[in-house]
Amino acid sequence: MATDYDAPRKSEEDQSEESIEELKARRHDKNSGKVDEDETEAAESFELPGADLSNEELAIEVKPKQEDEFTCMSCFLVHHRSQLADSKKMICFDCA
């Protein structure tokens, strides 16, 4: 590593003063970014695993598999026939 001997040197006091000032500035920056958030309001938006979703309705229409589509036997996704890599094993290009 190259050292610049012409650069002015700082004493230990100067370095410690700068670091204290930097720490104070950082502390104020962290506190200014805090937002008061209601914990109960935030908790209501979380969905827990195993929650009862029996009264929910789907927002999309589910269509049956078309004649020009196949189900990959590796990833079990429905793809168009153009994605068929192996017709005997019924595997798509992504899984092949």
Protein backbone atom coordinates (compact mmCIF):
# COMPACT_ATOMS: atom_id res chain seq x y z
CA MET A 1 0.00 0.00 0.00
CA ALA A 2 1.38 3.40 -0.97
CA THR A 3 1.79 6.06 1.69
CA ASP A 4 1.60 9.75 0.94
CA TYR A 5 4.28 11.31 3.15
CA ASP A 6 3.41 14.83 1.97
CA ALA A 7 -0.13 14.72 3.36
CA PRO A 8 -0.65 16.57 6.66
CA ARG A 9 -0.76 14.26 9.63
CA LYS A 10 -3.50 14.38 12.22
CA SER A 11 -2.87 13.99 15.88
CA GLU A 12 -4.72 11.40 17.97
CA GLU A 13 -6.77 14.17 19.59
CA ASP A 14 -8.00 15.38 16.18
CA GLN A 15 -8.93 11.85 15.16
CA SER A 16 -10.82 11.15 18.40
CA GLU A 17 -12.71 14.45 18.15
CA GLU A 18 -13.76 13.70 14.59
CA SER A 19 -14.92 10.22 15.48
CA ILE A 20 -17.00 11.49 18.42
CA GLU A 21 -18.62 14.11 16.21
CA GLU A 22 -19.32 11.49 13.55
CA LEU A 23 -20.89 9.18 16.11
CA LYS A 24 -23.13 11.95 17.40
CA ALA A 25 -24.22 12.80 13.86
CA ARG A 26 -24.97 9.14 13.10
CA ARG A 27 -27.00 8.80 16.30
CA HIS A 28 -29.20 11.75 15.34
CA ASP A 29 -29.64 10.37 11.80
CA LYS A 30 -30.83 7.01 13.10
CA ASN A 31 -33.38 8.59 15.44
CA SER A 32 -34.74 10.90 12.75
CA GLY A 33 -35.63 7.94 10.53
CA LYS A 34 -37.86 6.26 13.09
CA VAL A 35 -41.58 6.20 12.40
CA ASP A 36 -44.21 5.75 15.06
CA GLU A 37 -46.15 2.65 14.07
CA ASP A 38 -49.14 1.16 15.81
CA GLU A 39 -48.20 -2.44 16.61
CA THR A 40 -51.78 -3.71 16.61
CA GLU A 41 -52.42 -2.20 13.19
CA ALA A 42 -49.27 -3.81 11.80
CA ALA A 43 -50.15 -7.18 13.35
CA GLU A 44 -53.57 -7.23 11.66
CA SER A 45 -51.97 -7.26 8.21
CA PHE A 46 -49.95 -10.44 8.89
CA GLU A 47 -51.36 -13.76 7.74
CA LEU A 48 -50.53 -16.72 9.92
CA PRO A 49 -49.95 -20.19 8.44
CA GLY A 50 -53.02 -22.38 8.79
CA ALA A 51 -55.37 -19.40 8.92
CA ASP A 52 -59.02 -20.01 8.03
CA LEU A 53 -59.54 -18.72 4.49
CA SER A 54 -62.86 -20.48 3.85
CA ASN A 55 -64.75 -17.22 3.32
CA GLU A 56 -62.20 -15.83 0.81
CA GLU A 57 -62.90 -15.84 -2.95
CA LEU A 58 -60.41 -16.20 -5.78
CA ALA A 59 -59.85 -13.10 -7.87
CA ILE A 60 -58.78 -15.08 -10.97
CA GLU A 61 -60.53 -17.53 -13.25
CA VAL A 62 -59.09 -21.04 -13.26
CA LYS A 63 -59.28 -22.73 -16.66
CA PRO A 64 -58.78 -26.45 -17.34
CA LYS A 65 -55.73 -27.66 -19.24
CA GLN A 66 -56.06 -26.96 -22.98
CA GLU A 67 -55.36 -29.48 -25.77
CA ASP A 68 -52.12 -27.72 -26.75
CA GLU A 69 -50.77 -27.84 -23.17
CA PHE A 70 -49.12 -30.54 -21.07
CA THR A 71 -48.25 -31.07 -17.41
CA CYS A 72 -44.55 -31.51 -16.69
CA MET A 73 -43.92 -34.66 -14.65
CA SER A 74 -40.98 -33.05 -12.87
CA CYS A 75 -42.23 -29.60 -11.77
CA PHE A 76 -45.98 -30.33 -12.29
CA LEU A 77 -46.56 -27.01 -14.04
CA VAL A 78 -48.78 -26.69 -17.09
CA HIS A 79 -46.80 -25.59 -20.16
CA HIS A 80 -47.53 -25.06 -23.85
CA ARG A 81 -46.51 -27.94 -26.16
CA SER A 82 -43.66 -25.80 -27.51
CA GLN A 83 -41.97 -26.20 -24.10
CA LEU A 84 -41.96 -30.02 -24.29
CA ALA A 85 -38.36 -31.32 -24.11
CA ASP A 86 -39.00 -35.07 -23.78
CA SER A 87 -42.33 -36.43 -25.03
CA LYS A 88 -41.83 -39.87 -23.43
CA LYS A 89 -41.09 -38.51 -19.95
CA MET A 90 -43.34 -35.43 -20.40
CA ILE A 91 -40.67 -33.02 -19.11
CA CYS A 92 -40.40 -29.31 -19.96
CA PHE A 93 -37.25 -27.53 -21.16
CA ASP A 94 -36.73 -25.91 -17.75
CA CYS A 95 -36.51 -29.29 -16.00
CA ALA A 96 -34.60 -31.12 -18.74
